[in-house]
Amino acid sequence: MAMVGLFWITEDCVYVGSEPVGMATGVRLTEHGVEIPGLRPEKAWSWNEVRLLEVRDVAVRSAARRFVSMAFDTLLVAVTGDGELPPAYTVRVETAAGDETEVSVLSAVTGGIYTREEYDNSLALLERLTDGRTNIADLLAWRRDHGMDDTPPREEREALLRKWTGV
């Protein structure tokens, strides 16, 4: 799996946030639509049914502030041994029928802090996926072609988001 912006990209689907484990909720994007694993009952909509994918409560910092925050967190864990789960943020799915579902997802990025460019371009990508200007197949094709489970460096992640959003 590879992380690009707010997305955790596997070979067959894309998660907003990290892939949920156990009883955690998540938001899975497939070529067929949007799914919410972890809810009982699980919810799913086709892309034609989804009107809006909104993300809130995401930690956004400049690249320099992100680095300092991550360094401090690493030092704190080294000193105290107290590791924490990544921070959570909220994803809201709104359908054309007016239904709304909100779930909490864990951040896919180490430290849970995103740069402004990654965050803004991730929101633009969600909008393009929702209105059909970008297809989830583009992200999946990149992942299959990428061939590794590595997350690309920040510059490459930002370039990918710009490519997928047409910026």
Foldseek 3Di string as FASTA:
>chain_A
DADFQQWQADLFWIWRFDDDDDLAWTWIQGLQFIWIPNDVVIDTDGLLFWDDKDKDDAAEDAPVVLVVLLVVLVVVCVVPVDDDFADKIKIWTATPVGDIDIHIHGGNDRNRYHYPLSHVLVRLLRNCCSVVVAGRVVVSVCNVVVPDSYYDDNVVSSVVSCVRNVD
